[in-house]
Amino acid sequence: MVAKAEYKPLPLTRLAGGASYHQPTYFSPQPVRVDSPAVEVMTDLKLVAAATIEADTHIDVANQAMIARGVRSLLVADHLGGIVGLVTARDILGERPMQVVRSRGVRHEDIRVCDIMTPHDVIEVLHIGDVLRADVGHVVETLRHSGRQHALVVDVDPLSGRQMVRGVFSASQVARQLGVPLHTTEVARTFAEIEAAISGAEA
């Protein structure tokens, strides 16, 4: 097994304007090791339907949509399927809603996904070519280095040249597939537990 110290973060770039997302067929996560291919912990949107929400949806509805799908993030899409942002459970359940209430003088019941999401033009993404050459350990280090629970993976439609969201990495899914028991959604604790499991495997 390759030592954890040899893993480096993968390159990140910005999500392109007008990006969309792939459509599905079937996906079943399998147990992995830290030196397994990275794609084994990626939710491939050619195999499973993307979890999406519209920007003007109330944040409580978005939270319920995540619970119903068993996910902790949603792609925010317009009516044409274009990606306009990303919203996570931490965005909804964390400090962002209260910041909106204080800064805009609005009520909680008036807060929409667009008020707290990360807009598309500041989302950093991984390219599928890099992912296909990477191991699970690279994904763990990339997420840890970025301080985020999720990372989008993109490719390019060969016909239109349009950037497409091909997949999603989730720290909680990586942990589950590595066999790491998680008791919190906090980033620091998540990666402490993942890294402890990796260290134990390398011993």
N, C-alpha and C. Protein backbone atom coordinates (compact mmCIF):
# COMPACT_ATOMS: atom_id res chain seq x y z
N MET A 1 0.84 -1.20 0.00
CA MET A 1 0.00 0.00 0.00
C MET A 1 0.87 1.25 0.00
N VAL A 2 0.50 2.27 -0.79
CA VAL A 2 1.26 3.51 -0.85
C VAL A 2 1.08 4.29 0.44
N ALA A 3 2.16 4.84 0.98
CA ALA A 3 2.08 5.60 2.23
C ALA A 3 1.24 6.86 2.04
N LYS A 4 0.50 7.22 3.08
CA LYS A 4 -0.38 8.39 3.00
C LYS A 4 0.39 9.65 2.65
N ALA A 5 1.64 9.76 3.14
CA ALA A 5 2.43 10.98 2.93
C ALA A 5 2.69 11.25 1.46
N GLU A 6 2.55 10.23 0.60
CA GLU A 6 2.83 10.41 -0.82
C GLU A 6 1.64 10.97 -1.59
N TYR A 7 0.47 11.06 -0.95
CA TYR A 7 -0.70 11.59 -1.64
C TYR A 7 -0.67 13.11 -1.63
N LYS A 8 -0.95 13.70 -2.78
CA LYS A 8 -1.00 15.15 -2.93
C LYS A 8 -2.38 15.57 -3.42
N PRO A 9 -2.80 16.80 -3.12
CA PRO A 9 -4.10 17.26 -3.62
C PRO A 9 -4.12 17.28 -5.14
N LEU A 10 -5.27 16.96 -5.73
CA LEU A 10 -5.44 17.05 -7.17
C LEU A 10 -5.71 18.50 -7.56
N PRO A 11 -5.39 18.89 -8.79
CA PRO A 11 -5.63 20.28 -9.21
C PRO A 11 -7.11 20.62 -9.27
N LEU A 12 -7.46 21.80 -8.79
CA LEU A 12 -8.83 22.31 -8.81
C LEU A 12 -8.91 23.52 -9.72
N THR A 13 -10.02 23.63 -10.47
CA THR A 13 -10.27 24.82 -11.28
C THR A 13 -11.71 25.26 -11.03
N ARG A 14 -12.14 26.36 -11.63
CA ARG A 14 -13.49 26.88 -11.43
C ARG A 14 -14.50 26.18 -12.34
N LEU A 15 -15.71 25.98 -11.82
CA LEU A 15 -16.79 25.44 -12.64
C LEU A 15 -17.14 26.46 -13.71
N ALA A 16 -17.22 26.01 -14.96
CA ALA A 16 -17.47 26.91 -16.08
C ALA A 16 -18.93 27.36 -16.11
N GLY A 17 -19.16 28.59 -16.57
CA GLY A 17 -20.51 29.08 -16.78
C GLY A 17 -21.20 28.22 -17.84
N GLY A 18 -22.48 27.92 -17.62
CA GLY A 18 -23.21 27.09 -18.58
C GLY A 18 -23.00 25.61 -18.40
N ALA A 19 -22.25 25.19 -17.34
CA ALA A 19 -22.04 23.76 -17.11
C ALA A 19 -23.38 23.09 -16.81
N SER A 20 -23.49 21.83 -17.18
CA SER A 20 -24.69 21.05 -16.88
C SER A 20 -24.27 19.79 -16.14
N TYR A 21 -25.06 18.72 -16.18
CA TYR A 21 -24.71 17.50 -15.45
C TYR A 21 -25.17 16.28 -16.25
N HIS A 22 -24.49 15.16 -16.00
CA HIS A 22 -24.81 13.92 -16.70
C HIS A 22 -26.07 13.28 -16.14
N GLN A 23 -26.68 12.43 -16.96
CA GLN A 23 -27.85 11.66 -16.56
C GLN A 23 -27.44 10.20 -16.31
N PRO A 24 -28.33 9.37 -15.69
CA PRO A 24 -27.93 8.14 -15.02
C PRO A 24 -27.94 6.77 -15.70
N THR A 25 -27.81 5.66 -14.84
CA THR A 25 -28.35 4.31 -14.99
C THR A 25 -28.34 3.51 -13.69
N TYR A 26 -27.15 3.20 -13.12
CA TYR A 26 -27.16 2.38 -11.90
C TYR A 26 -25.86 2.60 -11.12
N PHE A 27 -25.93 2.57 -9.78
CA PHE A 27 -24.74 2.79 -8.95
C PHE A 27 -24.90 2.07 -7.62
N SER A 28 -23.87 1.34 -7.21
CA SER A 28 -23.88 0.65 -5.91
C SER A 28 -22.50 0.75 -5.29
N PRO A 29 -22.32 1.62 -4.27
CA PRO A 29 -20.99 1.79 -3.66
C PRO A 29 -20.47 0.50 -3.04
N GLN A 30 -19.19 0.22 -3.25
CA GLN A 30 -18.56 -0.97 -2.71
C GLN A 30 -17.46 -0.57 -1.71
N PRO A 31 -17.12 -1.45 -0.76
CA PRO A 31 -16.02 -1.15 0.15
C PRO A 31 -14.72 -0.93 -0.62
N VAL A 32 -13.90 -0.03 -0.13
CA VAL A 32 -12.65 0.30 -0.82
C VAL A 32 -11.50 0.38 0.19
N ARG A 33 -10.29 0.47 -0.35
CA ARG A 33 -9.08 0.75 0.43
C ARG A 33 -8.55 2.11 -0.02
N VAL A 34 -7.62 2.65 0.74
CA VAL A 34 -7.09 3.97 0.42
C VAL A 34 -6.36 3.98 -0.92
N ASP A 35 -5.85 2.81 -1.35
CA ASP A 35 -5.15 2.74 -2.63
C ASP A 35 -6.05 2.22 -3.75
N SER A 36 -7.36 2.14 -3.50
CA SER A 36 -8.32 1.77 -4.56
C SER A 36 -8.45 2.93 -5.55
N PRO A 37 -8.88 2.66 -6.78
CA PRO A 37 -9.10 3.75 -7.75
C PRO A 37 -10.11 4.76 -7.23
N ALA A 38 -9.82 6.04 -7.43
CA ALA A 38 -10.68 7.11 -6.92
C ALA A 38 -12.11 7.02 -7.43
N VAL A 39 -12.28 6.54 -8.67
CA VAL A 39 -13.64 6.49 -9.24
C VAL A 39 -14.55 5.56 -8.44
N GLU A 40 -13.98 4.67 -7.62
CA GLU A 40 -14.80 3.75 -6.84
C GLU A 40 -15.52 4.44 -5.69
N VAL A 41 -15.12 5.67 -5.35
CA VAL A 41 -15.84 6.43 -4.31
C VAL A 41 -16.55 7.65 -4.90
N MET A 42 -16.56 7.75 -6.22
CA MET A 42 -17.24 8.86 -6.89
C MET A 42 -18.67 8.46 -7.23
N THR A 43 -19.63 9.31 -6.90
CA THR A 43 -21.00 9.12 -7.37
C THR A 43 -21.02 9.54 -8.84
N ASP A 44 -21.13 8.58 -9.73
CA ASP A 44 -21.05 8.82 -11.17
C ASP A 44 -22.44 9.18 -11.70
N LEU A 45 -22.58 10.38 -12.23
CA LEU A 45 -23.89 10.83 -12.69
C LEU A 45 -24.30 10.21 -14.02
N LYS A 46 -23.43 9.34 -14.57
CA LYS A 46 -23.87 8.52 -15.69
C LYS A 46 -24.53 7.23 -15.18
N LEU A 47 -24.40 7.00 -13.87
CA LEU A 47 -24.95 5.78 -13.27
C LEU A 47 -26.08 6.05 -12.29
N VAL A 48 -26.15 7.25 -11.74
CA VAL A 48 -27.20 7.58 -10.77
C VAL A 48 -27.69 9.00 -11.03
N ALA A 49 -28.97 9.21 -10.91
CA ALA A 49 -29.54 10.52 -11.21
C ALA A 49 -28.98 11.59 -10.29
N ALA A 50 -28.64 12.73 -10.86
CA ALA A 50 -28.16 13.85 -10.07
C ALA A 50 -29.24 14.34 -9.12
N ALA A 51 -28.84 14.69 -7.90
CA ALA A 51 -29.76 15.29 -6.92
C ALA A 51 -29.74 16.79 -7.14
N THR A 52 -30.84 17.34 -7.65
CA THR A 52 -30.88 18.75 -8.01
C THR A 52 -32.02 19.47 -7.30
N ILE A 53 -31.92 20.78 -7.30
CA ILE A 53 -32.95 21.65 -6.71
C ILE A 53 -32.94 22.97 -7.47
N GLU A 54 -34.06 23.68 -7.48
CA GLU A 54 -34.10 24.98 -8.13
C GLU A 54 -33.72 26.07 -7.14
N ALA A 55 -33.15 27.15 -7.66
CA ALA A 55 -32.59 28.21 -6.83
C ALA A 55 -33.62 28.92 -5.97
N ASP A 56 -34.88 28.99 -6.42
CA ASP A 56 -35.88 29.72 -5.66
C ASP A 56 -36.63 28.83 -4.66
N THR A 57 -36.14 27.61 -4.43
CA THR A 57 -36.76 26.70 -3.46
C THR A 57 -36.43 27.14 -2.04
N HIS A 58 -37.39 27.05 -1.12
CA HIS A 58 -37.14 27.39 0.27
C HIS A 58 -36.12 26.42 0.86
N ILE A 59 -35.25 26.92 1.75
CA ILE A 59 -34.17 26.07 2.26
C ILE A 59 -34.68 24.88 3.07
N ASP A 60 -35.83 25.00 3.73
CA ASP A 60 -36.37 23.86 4.47
C ASP A 60 -36.81 22.75 3.51
N VAL A 61 -37.34 23.15 2.36
CA VAL A 61 -37.73 22.17 1.34
C VAL A 61 -36.48 21.48 0.78
N ALA A 62 -35.43 22.26 0.57
CA ALA A 62 -34.17 21.69 0.08
C ALA A 62 -33.60 20.70 1.08
N ASN A 63 -33.68 21.04 2.36
CA ASN A 63 -33.18 20.13 3.39
C ASN A 63 -33.96 18.83 3.38
N GLN A 64 -35.27 18.91 3.24
CA GLN A 64 -36.10 17.70 3.17
C GLN A 64 -35.77 16.88 1.92
N ALA A 65 -35.45 17.57 0.83
CA ALA A 65 -35.08 16.87 -0.41
C ALA A 65 -33.79 16.08 -0.21
N MET A 66 -32.84 16.66 0.53
CA MET A 66 -31.60 15.94 0.82
C MET A 66 -31.88 14.70 1.66
N ILE A 67 -32.70 14.87 2.67
CA ILE A 67 -33.04 13.73 3.54
C ILE A 67 -33.71 12.62 2.73
N ALA A 68 -34.63 13.01 1.85
CA ALA A 68 -35.35 12.02 1.04
C ALA A 68 -34.42 11.25 0.10
N ARG A 69 -33.40 11.96 -0.43
CA ARG A 69 -32.45 11.32 -1.35
C ARG A 69 -31.29 10.65 -0.63
N GLY A 70 -31.14 10.92 0.67
CA GLY A 70 -30.01 10.36 1.41
C GLY A 70 -28.69 10.99 1.01
N VAL A 71 -28.73 12.30 0.68
CA VAL A 71 -27.52 13.02 0.28
C VAL A 71 -27.35 14.24 1.17
N ARG A 72 -26.16 14.84 1.10
CA ARG A 72 -25.88 16.02 1.90
C ARG A 72 -25.51 17.23 1.02
N SER A 73 -25.79 17.10 -0.27
CA SER A 73 -25.58 18.24 -1.17
C SER A 73 -26.52 18.11 -2.36
N LEU A 74 -26.85 19.25 -2.97
CA LEU A 74 -27.70 19.28 -4.15
C LEU A 74 -27.10 20.22 -5.18
N LEU A 75 -27.09 19.80 -6.44
CA LEU A 75 -26.76 20.72 -7.51
C LEU A 75 -27.94 21.66 -7.70
N VAL A 76 -27.67 22.94 -7.79
CA VAL A 76 -28.73 23.92 -8.03
C VAL A 76 -28.80 24.14 -9.54
N ALA A 77 -29.94 23.80 -10.13
CA ALA A 77 -30.07 23.82 -11.59
C ALA A 77 -31.20 24.73 -12.02
N ASP A 78 -31.04 25.32 -13.21
CA ASP A 78 -32.13 26.11 -13.78
C ASP A 78 -33.06 25.19 -14.58
N HIS A 79 -34.09 25.76 -15.20
CA HIS A 79 -35.09 24.94 -15.89
C HIS A 79 -34.55 24.28 -17.15
N LEU A 80 -33.36 24.70 -17.61
CA LEU A 80 -32.75 24.10 -18.79
C LEU A 80 -31.69 23.06 -18.42
N GLY A 81 -31.53 22.83 -17.11
CA GLY A 81 -30.53 21.85 -16.67
C GLY A 81 -29.15 22.44 -16.46
N GLY A 82 -29.01 23.75 -16.57
CA GLY A 82 -27.72 24.39 -16.33
C GLY A 82 -27.44 24.50 -14.84
N ILE A 83 -26.19 24.30 -14.45
CA ILE A 83 -25.81 24.39 -13.04
C ILE A 83 -25.56 25.84 -12.68
N VAL A 84 -26.28 26.32 -11.66
CA VAL A 84 -26.09 27.70 -11.20
C VAL A 84 -25.45 27.75 -9.82
N GLY A 85 -25.30 26.60 -9.16
CA GLY A 85 -24.67 26.60 -7.86
C GLY A 85 -24.70 25.24 -7.21
N LEU A 86 -24.25 25.20 -5.95
CA LEU A 86 -24.25 23.99 -5.14
C LEU A 86 -24.68 24.38 -3.74
N VAL A 87 -25.58 23.60 -3.15
CA VAL A 87 -26.01 23.85 -1.77
C VAL A 87 -25.80 22.58 -0.96
N THR A 88 -25.28 22.72 0.25
CA THR A 88 -25.01 21.57 1.09
C THR A 88 -25.84 21.63 2.37
N ALA A 89 -25.89 20.51 3.07
CA ALA A 89 -26.59 20.47 4.35
C ALA A 89 -25.97 21.46 5.32
N ARG A 90 -24.66 21.62 5.25
CA ARG A 90 -24.00 22.57 6.15
C ARG A 90 -24.40 24.00 5.83
N ASP A 91 -24.62 24.31 4.54
CA ASP A 91 -25.11 25.65 4.17
C ASP A 91 -26.46 25.93 4.83
N ILE A 92 -27.32 24.92 4.83
CA ILE A 92 -28.69 25.09 5.33
C ILE A 92 -28.74 25.08 6.85
N LEU A 93 -27.98 24.16 7.46
CA LEU A 93 -28.07 23.96 8.90
C LEU A 93 -27.04 24.74 9.69
N GLY A 94 -26.09 25.37 8.98
CA GLY A 94 -25.03 26.13 9.62
C GLY A 94 -25.39 27.59 9.83
N GLU A 95 -24.40 28.45 9.72
CA GLU A 95 -24.58 29.87 10.04
C GLU A 95 -25.13 30.72 8.89
N ARG A 96 -25.08 30.21 7.67
CA ARG A 96 -25.46 31.04 6.53
C ARG A 96 -26.87 31.62 6.62
N PRO A 97 -27.88 30.83 6.98
CA PRO A 97 -29.22 31.42 7.06
C PRO A 97 -29.29 32.60 8.04
N MET A 98 -28.66 32.49 9.20
CA MET A 98 -28.69 33.58 10.17
C MET A 98 -27.93 34.80 9.66
N GLN A 99 -26.86 34.54 8.90
CA GLN A 99 -26.13 35.66 8.31
C GLN A 99 -27.01 36.41 7.32
N VAL A 100 -27.82 35.67 6.56
CA VAL A 100 -28.75 36.30 5.61
C VAL A 100 -29.81 37.10 6.36
N VAL A 101 -30.33 36.52 7.44
CA VAL A 101 -31.34 37.21 8.25
C VAL A 101 -30.79 38.53 8.77
N ARG A 102 -29.56 38.49 9.30
CA ARG A 102 -28.97 39.70 9.88
C ARG A 102 -28.59 40.73 8.82
N SER A 103 -28.01 40.27 7.71
CA SER A 103 -27.50 41.21 6.72
C SER A 103 -28.59 41.82 5.84
N ARG A 104 -29.68 41.07 5.61
CA ARG A 104 -30.73 41.55 4.70
C ARG A 104 -32.02 41.93 5.41
N GLY A 105 -32.10 41.62 6.70
CA GLY A 105 -33.31 41.95 7.44
C GLY A 105 -34.52 41.15 7.01
N VAL A 106 -34.28 39.91 6.53
CA VAL A 106 -35.39 39.06 6.10
C VAL A 106 -35.71 38.03 7.18
N ARG A 107 -36.84 37.37 7.05
CA ARG A 107 -37.21 36.30 7.97
C ARG A 107 -36.68 34.96 7.46
N HIS A 108 -36.52 34.02 8.40
CA HIS A 108 -36.02 32.69 8.02
C HIS A 108 -36.92 32.06 6.97
N GLU A 109 -38.22 32.24 7.11
CA GLU A 109 -39.14 31.60 6.16
C GLU A 109 -39.07 32.19 4.76
N ASP A 110 -38.32 33.29 4.60
CA ASP A 110 -38.16 33.90 3.28
C ASP A 110 -36.85 33.50 2.60
N ILE A 111 -36.01 32.71 3.28
CA ILE A 111 -34.69 32.38 2.73
C ILE A 111 -34.81 31.26 1.70
N ARG A 112 -34.25 31.50 0.53
CA ARG A 112 -34.27 30.54 -0.57
C ARG A 112 -32.87 29.96 -0.79
N VAL A 113 -32.81 28.89 -1.56
CA VAL A 113 -31.54 28.24 -1.86
C VAL A 113 -30.54 29.24 -2.45
N CYS A 114 -31.01 30.12 -3.32
CA CYS A 114 -30.11 31.07 -3.97
C CYS A 114 -29.44 32.02 -2.98
N ASP A 115 -30.04 32.18 -1.79
CA ASP A 115 -29.49 33.09 -0.79
C ASP A 115 -28.28 32.51 -0.06
N ILE A 116 -28.17 31.18 -0.03
CA ILE A 116 -27.10 30.56 0.76
C ILE A 116 -26.20 29.62 -0.04
N MET A 117 -26.54 29.34 -1.29
CA MET A 117 -25.75 28.40 -2.09
C MET A 117 -24.40 28.98 -2.45
N THR A 118 -23.50 28.10 -2.86
CA THR A 118 -22.23 28.54 -3.46
C THR A 118 -22.48 28.69 -4.96
N PRO A 119 -22.36 29.91 -5.50
CA PRO A 119 -22.65 30.10 -6.93
C PRO A 119 -21.63 29.38 -7.82
N HIS A 120 -22.06 29.06 -9.03
CA HIS A 120 -21.25 28.24 -9.93
C HIS A 120 -19.88 28.83 -10.22
N ASP A 121 -19.78 30.17 -10.26
CA ASP A 121 -18.52 30.77 -10.69
C ASP A 121 -17.42 30.76 -9.63
N VAL A 122 -17.74 30.27 -8.44
CA VAL A 122 -16.69 30.13 -7.42
C VAL A 122 -16.51 28.67 -6.98
N ILE A 123 -17.23 27.76 -7.62
CA ILE A 123 -17.09 26.33 -7.29
C ILE A 123 -15.83 25.79 -7.96
N GLU A 124 -14.98 25.17 -7.15
CA GLU A 124 -13.78 24.52 -7.68
C GLU A 124 -14.12 23.07 -8.03
N VAL A 125 -13.62 22.60 -9.17
CA VAL A 125 -13.97 21.27 -9.65
C VAL A 125 -12.72 20.48 -10.02
N LEU A 126 -12.87 19.17 -10.02
CA LEU A 126 -11.82 18.25 -10.48
C LEU A 126 -12.16 17.79 -11.89
N HIS A 127 -11.13 17.50 -12.68
CA HIS A 127 -11.36 16.98 -14.02
C HIS A 127 -11.28 15.45 -14.01
N ILE A 128 -12.17 14.82 -14.77
CA ILE A 128 -12.27 13.37 -14.76
C ILE A 128 -10.96 12.71 -15.16
N GLY A 129 -10.18 13.34 -16.03
CA GLY A 129 -8.90 12.76 -16.43
C GLY A 129 -7.96 12.60 -15.25
N ASP A 130 -7.93 13.59 -14.36
CA ASP A 130 -7.10 13.49 -13.16
C ASP A 130 -7.65 12.44 -12.21
N VAL A 131 -8.97 12.39 -12.08
CA VAL A 131 -9.60 11.43 -11.18
C VAL A 131 -9.33 10.00 -11.63
N LEU A 132 -9.37 9.75 -12.92
CA LEU A 132 -9.15 8.39 -13.43
C LEU A 132 -7.74 7.89 -13.16
N ARG A 133 -6.81 8.80 -12.92
CA ARG A 133 -5.42 8.42 -12.62
C ARG A 133 -5.14 8.43 -11.11
N ALA A 134 -6.16 8.73 -10.30
CA ALA A 134 -5.97 8.93 -8.87
C ALA A 134 -6.48 7.75 -8.04
N ASP A 135 -6.01 7.72 -6.78
CA ASP A 135 -6.49 6.74 -5.80
C ASP A 135 -7.43 7.43 -4.81
N VAL A 136 -8.09 6.62 -3.99
CA VAL A 136 -8.96 7.15 -2.95
C VAL A 136 -8.19 8.10 -2.04
N GLY A 137 -6.93 7.78 -1.75
CA GLY A 137 -6.11 8.64 -0.90
C GLY A 137 -5.97 10.04 -1.44
N HIS A 138 -5.88 10.19 -2.77
CA HIS A 138 -5.81 11.51 -3.38
C HIS A 138 -7.10 12.29 -3.13
N VAL A 139 -8.23 11.60 -3.18
CA VAL A 139 -9.52 12.26 -2.95
C VAL A 139 -9.61 12.74 -1.50
N VAL A 140 -9.22 11.87 -0.57
CA VAL A 140 -9.23 12.25 0.85
C VAL A 140 -8.39 13.50 1.07
N GLU A 141 -7.18 13.51 0.50
CA GLU A 141 -6.30 14.65 0.70
C GLU A 141 -6.82 15.90 0.01
N THR A 142 -7.46 15.75 -1.14
CA THR A 142 -8.04 16.89 -1.85
C THR A 142 -9.16 17.53 -1.03
N LEU A 143 -10.05 16.71 -0.50
CA LEU A 143 -11.14 17.23 0.32
C LEU A 143 -10.60 17.86 1.61
N ARG A 144 -9.65 17.19 2.23
CA ARG A 144 -9.08 17.73 3.47
C ARG A 144 -8.40 19.07 3.21
N HIS A 145 -7.64 19.14 2.12
CA HIS A 145 -6.89 20.35 1.78
C HIS A 145 -7.83 21.51 1.48
N SER A 146 -8.98 21.22 0.84
CA SER A 146 -9.93 22.27 0.49
C SER A 146 -10.83 22.64 1.67
N GLY A 147 -10.87 21.79 2.70
CA GLY A 147 -11.71 22.04 3.86
C GLY A 147 -13.19 21.85 3.57
N ARG A 148 -13.49 21.08 2.53
CA ARG A 148 -14.89 20.87 2.14
C ARG A 148 -15.27 19.41 2.25
N GLN A 149 -16.58 19.19 2.35
CA GLN A 149 -17.12 17.83 2.43
C GLN A 149 -17.43 17.25 1.05
N HIS A 150 -17.47 18.09 0.02
CA HIS A 150 -17.85 17.64 -1.32
C HIS A 150 -16.91 18.21 -2.38
N ALA A 151 -16.77 17.48 -3.48
CA ALA A 151 -16.04 17.98 -4.65
C ALA A 151 -16.75 17.49 -5.90
N LEU A 152 -16.95 18.39 -6.86
CA LEU A 152 -17.55 18.02 -8.14
C LEU A 152 -16.47 17.60 -9.12
N VAL A 153 -16.83 16.65 -9.98
CA VAL A 153 -15.93 16.17 -11.04
C VAL A 153 -16.58 16.50 -12.38
N VAL A 154 -15.81 17.07 -13.29
CA VAL A 154 -16.37 17.46 -14.58
C VAL A 154 -15.66 16.77 -15.74
N ASP A 155 -16.38 16.66 -16.85
CA ASP A 155 -15.79 16.31 -18.13
C ASP A 155 -16.37 17.26 -19.17
N VAL A 156 -16.13 16.99 -20.43
CA VAL A 156 -16.61 17.87 -21.50
C VAL A 156 -17.40 17.06 -22.50
N ASP A 157 -18.60 17.52 -22.84
CA ASP A 157 -19.40 16.87 -23.87
C ASP A 157 -18.67 17.00 -25.20
N PRO A 158 -18.30 15.88 -25.84
CA PRO A 158 -17.52 15.96 -27.08
C PRO A 158 -18.26 16.61 -28.24
N LEU A 159 -19.59 16.60 -28.21
CA LEU A 159 -20.36 17.18 -29.30
C LEU A 159 -20.54 18.69 -29.15
N SER A 160 -20.92 19.11 -27.93
CA SER A 160 -21.20 20.53 -27.72
C SER A 160 -20.02 21.31 -27.17
N GLY A 161 -19.03 20.60 -26.59
CA GLY A 161 -17.92 21.27 -25.93
C GLY A 161 -18.31 21.85 -24.59
N ARG A 162 -19.51 21.54 -24.12
CA ARG A 162 -20.02 22.07 -22.85
C ARG A 162 -19.45 21.29 -21.68
N GLN A 163 -19.02 22.00 -20.64
CA GLN A 163 -18.56 21.33 -19.43
C GLN A 163 -19.75 20.67 -18.74
N MET A 164 -19.56 19.42 -18.30
CA MET A 164 -20.63 18.66 -17.67
C MET A 164 -20.16 18.14 -16.31
N VAL A 165 -21.02 18.25 -15.30
CA VAL A 165 -20.70 17.64 -14.02
C VAL A 165 -20.88 16.13 -14.16
N ARG A 166 -19.78 15.41 -14.06
CA ARG A 166 -19.79 13.96 -14.27
C ARG A 166 -20.01 13.20 -12.97
N GLY A 167 -19.53 13.77 -11.85
CA GLY A 167 -19.64 13.04 -10.60
C GLY A 167 -19.45 13.92 -9.39
N VAL A 168 -19.64 13.30 -8.23
CA VAL A 168 -19.51 14.01 -6.95
C VAL A 168 -18.74 13.13 -5.97
N PHE A 169 -17.77 13.73 -5.28
CA PHE A 169 -17.12 13.07 -4.15
C PHE A 169 -17.73 13.63 -2.87
N SER A 170 -18.04 12.76 -1.94
CA SER A 170 -18.57 13.16 -0.64
C SER A 170 -17.71 12.54 0.45
N ALA A 171 -17.25 13.36 1.40
CA ALA A 171 -16.42 12.85 2.49
C ALA A 171 -17.14 11.75 3.26
N SER A 172 -18.45 11.92 3.47
CA SER A 172 -19.19 10.91 4.23
C SER A 172 -19.28 9.59 3.46
N GLN A 173 -19.43 9.66 2.14
CA GLN A 173 -19.47 8.42 1.36
C GLN A 173 -18.11 7.75 1.33
N VAL A 174 -17.04 8.55 1.18
CA VAL A 174 -15.68 7.99 1.20
C VAL A 174 -15.46 7.27 2.53
N ALA A 175 -15.86 7.92 3.61
CA ALA A 175 -15.69 7.31 4.93
C ALA A 175 -16.45 6.00 5.04
N ARG A 176 -17.71 5.99 4.58
CA ARG A 176 -18.51 4.76 4.64
C ARG A 176 -17.84 3.63 3.87
N GLN A 177 -17.36 3.94 2.66
CA GLN A 177 -16.76 2.90 1.84
C GLN A 177 -15.42 2.43 2.40
N LEU A 178 -14.75 3.30 3.16
CA LEU A 178 -13.50 2.91 3.82
C LEU A 178 -13.78 2.16 5.12
N GLY A 179 -15.06 2.13 5.53
CA GLY A 179 -15.41 1.45 6.76
C GLY A 179 -15.17 2.28 8.00
N VAL A 180 -15.17 3.62 7.83
CA VAL A 180 -14.95 4.52 8.96
C VAL A 180 -16.30 4.91 9.56
N PRO A 181 -16.53 4.63 10.85
CA PRO A 181 -17.79 5.06 11.49
C PRO A 181 -17.77 6.56 11.75
N LEU A 182 -18.78 7.27 11.27
CA LEU A 182 -18.85 8.72 11.45
C LEU A 182 -19.99 9.06 12.40
N HIS A 183 -19.69 9.97 13.32
CA HIS A 183 -20.68 10.36 14.31
C HIS A 183 -20.97 11.86 14.27
N THR A 184 -20.46 12.53 13.25
CA THR A 184 -20.60 13.99 13.17
C THR A 184 -20.48 14.41 11.72
N THR A 185 -20.97 15.61 11.40
CA THR A 185 -20.83 16.15 10.05
C THR A 185 -19.71 17.17 9.98
N GLU A 186 -18.98 17.38 11.07
CA GLU A 186 -17.91 18.37 11.07
C GLU A 186 -16.74 17.89 10.23
N VAL A 187 -16.20 18.78 9.39
CA VAL A 187 -15.10 18.42 8.50
C VAL A 187 -13.90 17.90 9.27
N ALA A 188 -13.47 18.62 10.30
CA ALA A 188 -12.25 18.24 11.02
C ALA A 188 -12.37 16.83 11.61
N ARG A 189 -13.51 16.53 12.22
CA ARG A 189 -13.71 15.22 12.82
C ARG A 189 -13.79 14.15 11.74
N THR A 190 -14.47 14.45 10.66
CA THR A 190 -14.58 13.48 9.56
C THR A 190 -13.20 13.04 9.09
N PHE A 191 -12.34 14.01 8.81
CA PHE A 191 -11.04 13.67 8.26
C PHE A 191 -10.10 13.10 9.30
N ALA A 192 -10.28 13.48 10.57
CA ALA A 192 -9.50 12.85 11.63
C ALA A 192 -9.80 11.36 11.68
N GLU A 193 -11.08 11.01 11.54
CA GLU A 193 -11.48 9.61 11.59
C GLU A 193 -11.04 8.85 10.34
N ILE A 194 -11.15 9.49 9.18
CA ILE A 194 -10.67 8.85 7.95
C ILE A 194 -9.18 8.61 8.04
N GLU A 195 -8.41 9.63 8.46
CA GLU A 195 -6.96 9.50 8.50
C GLU A 195 -6.52 8.48 9.55
N ALA A 196 -7.28 8.38 10.65
CA ALA A 196 -6.96 7.37 11.66
C ALA A 196 -7.13 5.97 11.06
N ALA A 197 -8.18 5.80 10.27
CA ALA A 197 -8.42 4.50 9.62
C ALA A 197 -7.33 4.19 8.61
N ILE A 198 -6.91 5.23 7.87
CA ILE A 198 -5.85 5.03 6.88
C ILE A 198 -4.54 4.67 7.57
N SER A 199 -4.22 5.36 8.66
CA SER A 199 -2.99 5.10 9.40
C SER A 199 -2.98 3.68 9.93
N GLY A 200 -4.15 3.24 10.42
CA GLY A 200 -4.24 1.88 10.92
C GLY A 200 -4.03 0.85 9.83
N ALA A 201 -4.54 1.17 8.63
CA ALA A 201 -4.39 0.23 7.51
C ALA A 201 -2.94 0.15 7.04
N GLU A 202 -2.20 1.26 7.22
CA GLU A 202 -0.83 1.30 6.73
C GLU A 202 0.15 0.70 7.72
N ALA A 203 -0.28 0.54 8.98
CA ALA A 203 0.61 0.06 10.04
C ALA A 203 1.01 -1.41 9.78
